[in-house]
Amino acid sequence: ILNAGHTVAHALERATDYAIAHGEAVAIGLASEARAGERMAVTVPGTAAHIARLLAILGLSTTMPTGIDRARFLDAMLTDKKNRDGIVHATLVKAFGCVVPDGLIYTQPLDLQTLD
């Protein structure tokens, strides 16, 4: 699950000119991508809440910062190295400790409408 949360994290870093530390961005990305995975019906319901609770215990944020330029954030997602054929891909969590496989590739097309 090395890349889980990183599609959102890298876009968040770029959209904020790296004002957010990488670890904090990954925490937000993990939670955001898990919520998106639940909405896309590829993540077991309740997984996102479990991840968010654990990250909160560590004092990490799990929601997008206020005032984020959504257009800039979404534009930054288009440059992620995991993308294929112009489609944003993410390593989505299936359940705690497991990712959703796509054959031998562990990324899935990410429905950008499901991100919060």
N, C-alpha and C. Protein backbone atom coordinates (compact mmCIF):
# COMPACT_ATOMS: atom_id res chain seq x y z
N ILE A 1 0.81 -1.20 0.00
CA ILE A 1 0.00 0.00 0.00
C ILE A 1 0.85 1.27 0.00
N LEU A 2 2.03 1.13 -0.48
CA LEU A 2 2.99 2.23 -0.47
C LEU A 2 2.42 3.51 -1.08
N ASN A 3 1.73 3.44 -2.19
CA ASN A 3 1.26 4.65 -2.88
C ASN A 3 -0.14 5.11 -2.46
N ALA A 4 -0.79 4.40 -1.56
CA ALA A 4 -2.13 4.80 -1.12
C ALA A 4 -2.08 6.22 -0.56
N GLY A 5 -3.02 7.04 -0.98
CA GLY A 5 -3.11 8.41 -0.52
C GLY A 5 -2.24 9.40 -1.27
N HIS A 6 -1.32 8.90 -2.08
CA HIS A 6 -0.34 9.78 -2.71
C HIS A 6 -0.86 10.54 -3.93
N THR A 7 -1.88 10.05 -4.60
CA THR A 7 -2.41 10.80 -5.74
C THR A 7 -2.98 12.12 -5.25
N VAL A 8 -3.81 12.07 -4.22
CA VAL A 8 -4.36 13.28 -3.63
C VAL A 8 -3.24 14.09 -2.96
N ALA A 9 -2.34 13.41 -2.25
CA ALA A 9 -1.28 14.11 -1.52
C ALA A 9 -0.41 14.96 -2.43
N HIS A 10 0.05 14.38 -3.53
CA HIS A 10 0.92 15.13 -4.42
C HIS A 10 0.19 16.32 -5.06
N ALA A 11 -1.07 16.12 -5.40
CA ALA A 11 -1.85 17.22 -5.97
C ALA A 11 -2.06 18.31 -4.93
N LEU A 12 -2.31 17.92 -3.70
CA LEU A 12 -2.50 18.88 -2.62
C LEU A 12 -1.22 19.68 -2.37
N GLU A 13 -0.09 19.01 -2.40
CA GLU A 13 1.19 19.71 -2.23
C GLU A 13 1.39 20.74 -3.34
N ARG A 14 1.15 20.32 -4.58
CA ARG A 14 1.33 21.24 -5.71
C ARG A 14 0.35 22.40 -5.66
N ALA A 15 -0.90 22.11 -5.31
CA ALA A 15 -1.94 23.15 -5.29
C ALA A 15 -1.71 24.18 -4.19
N THR A 16 -0.93 23.82 -3.17
CA THR A 16 -0.64 24.74 -2.07
C THR A 16 0.80 25.25 -2.11
N ASP A 17 1.48 25.03 -3.23
CA ASP A 17 2.89 25.42 -3.36
C ASP A 17 3.73 24.83 -2.22
N TYR A 18 3.41 23.61 -1.86
CA TYR A 18 4.16 22.83 -0.85
C TYR A 18 4.10 23.46 0.54
N ALA A 19 3.01 24.17 0.83
CA ALA A 19 2.81 24.74 2.17
C ALA A 19 2.40 23.64 3.16
N ILE A 20 1.93 22.52 2.65
CA ILE A 20 1.53 21.39 3.49
C ILE A 20 2.66 20.36 3.44
N ALA A 21 3.07 19.89 4.62
CA ALA A 21 4.12 18.88 4.71
C ALA A 21 3.66 17.58 4.04
N HIS A 22 4.60 16.84 3.51
CA HIS A 22 4.27 15.61 2.78
C HIS A 22 3.48 14.63 3.65
N GLY A 23 3.89 14.42 4.88
CA GLY A 23 3.18 13.48 5.77
C GLY A 23 1.74 13.89 6.01
N GLU A 24 1.53 15.17 6.23
CA GLU A 24 0.16 15.67 6.42
C GLU A 24 -0.66 15.50 5.14
N ALA A 25 -0.04 15.79 4.00
CA ALA A 25 -0.73 15.63 2.72
C ALA A 25 -1.10 14.17 2.48
N VAL A 26 -0.22 13.25 2.84
CA VAL A 26 -0.51 11.82 2.66
C VAL A 26 -1.65 11.40 3.59
N ALA A 27 -1.68 11.90 4.81
CA ALA A 27 -2.78 11.57 5.73
C ALA A 27 -4.11 12.03 5.14
N ILE A 28 -4.14 13.26 4.64
CA ILE A 28 -5.37 13.78 4.01
C ILE A 28 -5.71 12.93 2.79
N GLY A 29 -4.69 12.58 2.01
CA GLY A 29 -4.90 11.76 0.82
C GLY A 29 -5.43 10.38 1.15
N LEU A 30 -4.88 9.74 2.18
CA LEU A 30 -5.37 8.41 2.59
C LEU A 30 -6.84 8.46 2.93
N ALA A 31 -7.21 9.43 3.74
CA ALA A 31 -8.61 9.54 4.16
C ALA A 31 -9.51 9.89 2.98
N SER A 32 -9.08 10.85 2.17
CA SER A 32 -9.89 11.29 1.03
C SER A 32 -10.07 10.17 0.01
N GLU A 33 -8.99 9.48 -0.32
CA GLU A 33 -9.08 8.39 -1.30
C GLU A 33 -9.89 7.22 -0.75
N ALA A 34 -9.83 6.97 0.56
CA ALA A 34 -10.64 5.90 1.14
C ALA A 34 -12.13 6.26 1.08
N ARG A 35 -12.45 7.52 1.36
CA ARG A 35 -13.86 7.95 1.23
C ARG A 35 -14.32 7.84 -0.22
N ALA A 36 -13.45 8.24 -1.16
CA ALA A 36 -13.79 8.12 -2.58
C ALA A 36 -13.98 6.66 -2.95
N GLY A 37 -13.11 5.79 -2.46
CA GLY A 37 -13.23 4.35 -2.73
C GLY A 37 -14.55 3.79 -2.23
N GLU A 38 -14.99 4.23 -1.06
CA GLU A 38 -16.30 3.78 -0.55
C GLU A 38 -17.41 4.26 -1.47
N ARG A 39 -17.34 5.51 -1.92
CA ARG A 39 -18.37 6.04 -2.83
C ARG A 39 -18.36 5.31 -4.16
N MET A 40 -17.17 4.84 -4.57
CA MET A 40 -17.04 4.11 -5.83
C MET A 40 -17.35 2.62 -5.64
N ALA A 41 -17.64 2.20 -4.43
CA ALA A 41 -17.98 0.81 -4.07
C ALA A 41 -16.82 -0.16 -4.30
N VAL A 42 -15.57 0.31 -4.12
CA VAL A 42 -14.42 -0.59 -4.19
C VAL A 42 -13.74 -0.72 -2.83
N THR A 43 -14.12 0.10 -1.89
CA THR A 43 -13.58 0.07 -0.53
C THR A 43 -14.67 -0.38 0.42
N VAL A 44 -14.32 -1.28 1.32
CA VAL A 44 -15.28 -1.80 2.29
C VAL A 44 -15.82 -0.64 3.14
N PRO A 45 -17.16 -0.53 3.25
CA PRO A 45 -17.74 0.54 4.07
C PRO A 45 -17.17 0.53 5.49
N GLY A 46 -16.89 1.72 5.99
CA GLY A 46 -16.33 1.87 7.33
C GLY A 46 -14.81 1.97 7.34
N THR A 47 -14.17 1.58 6.24
CA THR A 47 -12.71 1.64 6.17
C THR A 47 -12.21 3.07 6.28
N ALA A 48 -12.85 3.99 5.60
CA ALA A 48 -12.42 5.39 5.63
C ALA A 48 -12.51 5.96 7.04
N ALA A 49 -13.57 5.65 7.75
CA ALA A 49 -13.72 6.14 9.12
C ALA A 49 -12.64 5.54 10.02
N HIS A 50 -12.33 4.28 9.82
CA HIS A 50 -11.27 3.60 10.60
C HIS A 50 -9.93 4.30 10.36
N ILE A 51 -9.61 4.53 9.11
CA ILE A 51 -8.35 5.21 8.76
C ILE A 51 -8.32 6.61 9.36
N ALA A 52 -9.42 7.34 9.23
CA ALA A 52 -9.49 8.71 9.75
C ALA A 52 -9.31 8.72 11.27
N ARG A 53 -9.91 7.77 11.98
CA ARG A 53 -9.75 7.71 13.43
C ARG A 53 -8.29 7.49 13.82
N LEU A 54 -7.62 6.57 13.14
CA LEU A 54 -6.22 6.29 13.45
C LEU A 54 -5.32 7.49 13.15
N LEU A 55 -5.57 8.16 12.03
CA LEU A 55 -4.78 9.34 11.69
C LEU A 55 -5.03 10.47 12.68
N ALA A 56 -6.27 10.61 13.14
CA ALA A 56 -6.59 11.65 14.12
C ALA A 56 -5.87 11.39 15.44
N ILE A 57 -5.76 10.13 15.83
CA ILE A 57 -5.01 9.79 17.05
C ILE A 57 -3.57 10.28 16.95
N LEU A 58 -3.03 10.23 15.74
CA LEU A 58 -1.66 10.69 15.50
C LEU A 58 -1.57 12.21 15.34
N GLY A 59 -2.72 12.88 15.43
CA GLY A 59 -2.74 14.33 15.32
C GLY A 59 -2.68 14.84 13.89
N LEU A 60 -3.03 13.99 12.94
CA LEU A 60 -2.98 14.37 11.53
C LEU A 60 -4.36 14.74 11.01
N SER A 61 -4.40 15.69 10.12
CA SER A 61 -5.65 16.11 9.50
C SER A 61 -6.11 15.06 8.49
N THR A 62 -7.40 14.95 8.32
CA THR A 62 -7.95 13.98 7.36
C THR A 62 -8.91 14.64 6.37
N THR A 63 -8.95 15.95 6.38
CA THR A 63 -9.83 16.67 5.46
C THR A 63 -9.03 17.75 4.73
N MET A 64 -9.52 18.12 3.58
CA MET A 64 -8.86 19.15 2.78
C MET A 64 -8.83 20.46 3.55
N PRO A 65 -7.74 21.20 3.42
CA PRO A 65 -7.69 22.50 4.09
C PRO A 65 -8.72 23.45 3.47
N THR A 66 -9.21 24.35 4.28
CA THR A 66 -10.16 25.34 3.76
C THR A 66 -9.43 26.27 2.80
N GLY A 67 -10.15 26.74 1.82
CA GLY A 67 -9.59 27.69 0.88
C GLY A 67 -8.75 27.08 -0.24
N ILE A 68 -8.72 25.75 -0.32
CA ILE A 68 -7.95 25.11 -1.39
C ILE A 68 -8.56 25.48 -2.74
N ASP A 69 -7.72 25.81 -3.68
CA ASP A 69 -8.18 26.11 -5.04
C ASP A 69 -8.49 24.78 -5.72
N ARG A 70 -9.76 24.43 -5.78
CA ARG A 70 -10.18 23.10 -6.28
C ARG A 70 -9.73 22.88 -7.73
N ALA A 71 -9.83 23.90 -8.55
CA ALA A 71 -9.42 23.76 -9.95
C ALA A 71 -7.92 23.48 -10.05
N ARG A 72 -7.14 24.18 -9.26
CA ARG A 72 -5.69 23.96 -9.26
C ARG A 72 -5.36 22.57 -8.73
N PHE A 73 -6.07 22.15 -7.69
CA PHE A 73 -5.89 20.82 -7.12
C PHE A 73 -6.20 19.73 -8.15
N LEU A 74 -7.34 19.85 -8.81
CA LEU A 74 -7.72 18.84 -9.82
C LEU A 74 -6.76 18.86 -11.01
N ASP A 75 -6.32 20.04 -11.40
CA ASP A 75 -5.35 20.15 -12.49
C ASP A 75 -4.05 19.44 -12.12
N ALA A 76 -3.62 19.59 -10.88
CA ALA A 76 -2.39 18.94 -10.41
C ALA A 76 -2.53 17.41 -10.43
N MET A 77 -3.73 16.91 -10.23
CA MET A 77 -3.93 15.46 -10.26
C MET A 77 -3.66 14.89 -11.65
N LEU A 78 -3.82 15.70 -12.67
CA LEU A 78 -3.62 15.22 -14.04
C LEU A 78 -2.17 14.91 -14.36
N THR A 79 -1.24 15.36 -13.52
CA THR A 79 0.18 15.13 -13.78
C THR A 79 0.75 13.97 -12.98
N ASP A 80 -0.07 13.25 -12.23
CA ASP A 80 0.43 12.16 -11.38
C ASP A 80 1.02 11.03 -12.22
N LYS A 81 2.12 10.48 -11.74
CA LYS A 81 2.83 9.43 -12.49
C LYS A 81 2.04 8.13 -12.60
N LYS A 82 1.03 7.94 -11.77
CA LYS A 82 0.24 6.71 -11.82
C LYS A 82 -0.86 6.76 -12.89
N ASN A 83 -1.09 7.92 -13.45
CA ASN A 83 -2.14 8.08 -14.45
C ASN A 83 -1.81 7.26 -15.70
N ARG A 84 -2.87 6.80 -16.35
CA ARG A 84 -2.71 6.05 -17.59
C ARG A 84 -3.74 6.54 -18.60
N ASP A 85 -3.28 6.75 -19.83
CA ASP A 85 -4.15 7.17 -20.93
C ASP A 85 -4.96 8.42 -20.59
N GLY A 86 -4.35 9.34 -19.86
CA GLY A 86 -5.02 10.59 -19.53
C GLY A 86 -6.06 10.48 -18.42
N ILE A 87 -6.13 9.33 -17.76
CA ILE A 87 -7.11 9.10 -16.69
C ILE A 87 -6.38 9.06 -15.36
N VAL A 88 -6.88 9.82 -14.39
CA VAL A 88 -6.28 9.84 -13.06
C VAL A 88 -6.48 8.48 -12.39
N HIS A 89 -5.37 7.92 -11.91
CA HIS A 89 -5.40 6.64 -11.20
C HIS A 89 -4.87 6.83 -9.78
N ALA A 90 -5.35 6.00 -8.88
CA ALA A 90 -4.90 6.04 -7.49
C ALA A 90 -4.80 4.62 -6.96
N THR A 91 -3.96 4.46 -5.96
CA THR A 91 -3.88 3.18 -5.25
C THR A 91 -4.95 3.24 -4.17
N LEU A 92 -6.10 2.64 -4.45
CA LEU A 92 -7.23 2.71 -3.53
C LEU A 92 -7.20 1.55 -2.54
N VAL A 93 -7.53 1.86 -1.30
CA VAL A 93 -7.59 0.86 -0.25
C VAL A 93 -8.89 0.08 -0.39
N LYS A 94 -8.78 -1.25 -0.39
CA LYS A 94 -9.98 -2.10 -0.43
C LYS A 94 -10.53 -2.27 0.98
N ALA A 95 -9.64 -2.58 1.90
CA ALA A 95 -9.96 -2.72 3.32
C ALA A 95 -8.68 -2.37 4.07
N PHE A 96 -8.75 -2.27 5.35
CA PHE A 96 -7.59 -1.88 6.13
C PHE A 96 -6.43 -2.85 5.85
N GLY A 97 -5.35 -2.31 5.28
CA GLY A 97 -4.16 -3.12 4.98
C GLY A 97 -4.15 -3.78 3.61
N CYS A 98 -5.19 -3.57 2.79
CA CYS A 98 -5.28 -4.19 1.46
C CYS A 98 -5.64 -3.13 0.43
N VAL A 99 -5.09 -3.28 -0.78
CA VAL A 99 -5.46 -2.37 -1.85
C VAL A 99 -6.27 -3.10 -2.91
N VAL A 100 -6.92 -2.34 -3.76
CA VAL A 100 -7.74 -2.89 -4.84
C VAL A 100 -6.83 -3.20 -6.03
N PRO A 101 -6.66 -4.47 -6.37
CA PRO A 101 -5.80 -4.80 -7.52
C PRO A 101 -6.54 -4.67 -8.85
N ASP A 102 -5.77 -4.36 -9.87
CA ASP A 102 -6.27 -4.36 -11.25
C ASP A 102 -5.29 -5.22 -12.04
N GLY A 103 -5.48 -6.52 -11.94
CA GLY A 103 -4.51 -7.45 -12.51
C GLY A 103 -3.22 -7.35 -11.72
N LEU A 104 -2.13 -7.05 -12.38
CA LEU A 104 -0.84 -6.90 -11.70
C LEU A 104 -0.56 -5.45 -11.32
N ILE A 105 -1.48 -4.55 -11.66
CA ILE A 105 -1.31 -3.13 -11.38
C ILE A 105 -2.21 -2.77 -10.20
N TYR A 106 -1.65 -2.05 -9.26
CA TYR A 106 -2.42 -1.72 -8.06
C TYR A 106 -2.90 -0.27 -8.06
N THR A 107 -3.38 0.17 -9.19
CA THR A 107 -4.05 1.46 -9.24
C THR A 107 -5.39 1.30 -9.94
N GLN A 108 -6.29 2.18 -9.62
CA GLN A 108 -7.63 2.17 -10.20
C GLN A 108 -7.93 3.55 -10.76
N PRO A 109 -8.76 3.62 -11.80
CA PRO A 109 -9.23 4.94 -12.24
C PRO A 109 -9.98 5.59 -11.07
N LEU A 110 -9.67 6.84 -10.80
CA LEU A 110 -10.28 7.55 -9.68
C LEU A 110 -11.36 8.48 -10.21
N ASP A 111 -12.58 8.27 -9.73
CA ASP A 111 -13.69 9.15 -10.10
C ASP A 111 -13.53 10.46 -9.32
N LEU A 112 -13.11 11.50 -10.01
CA LEU A 112 -12.81 12.77 -9.34
C LEU A 112 -14.04 13.39 -8.70
N GLN A 113 -15.22 13.01 -9.16
CA GLN A 113 -16.45 13.53 -8.55
C GLN A 113 -16.67 13.01 -7.14
N THR A 114 -15.97 11.91 -6.78
CA THR A 114 -16.17 11.31 -5.45
C THR A 114 -15.23 11.90 -4.41
N LEU A 115 -14.30 12.74 -4.82
CA LEU A 115 -13.36 13.33 -3.86
C LEU A 115 -14.01 14.44 -3.07
N ASP A 116 -13.67 14.52 -1.80
CA ASP A 116 -14.17 15.63 -0.98
C ASP A 116 -13.01 16.46 -0.48
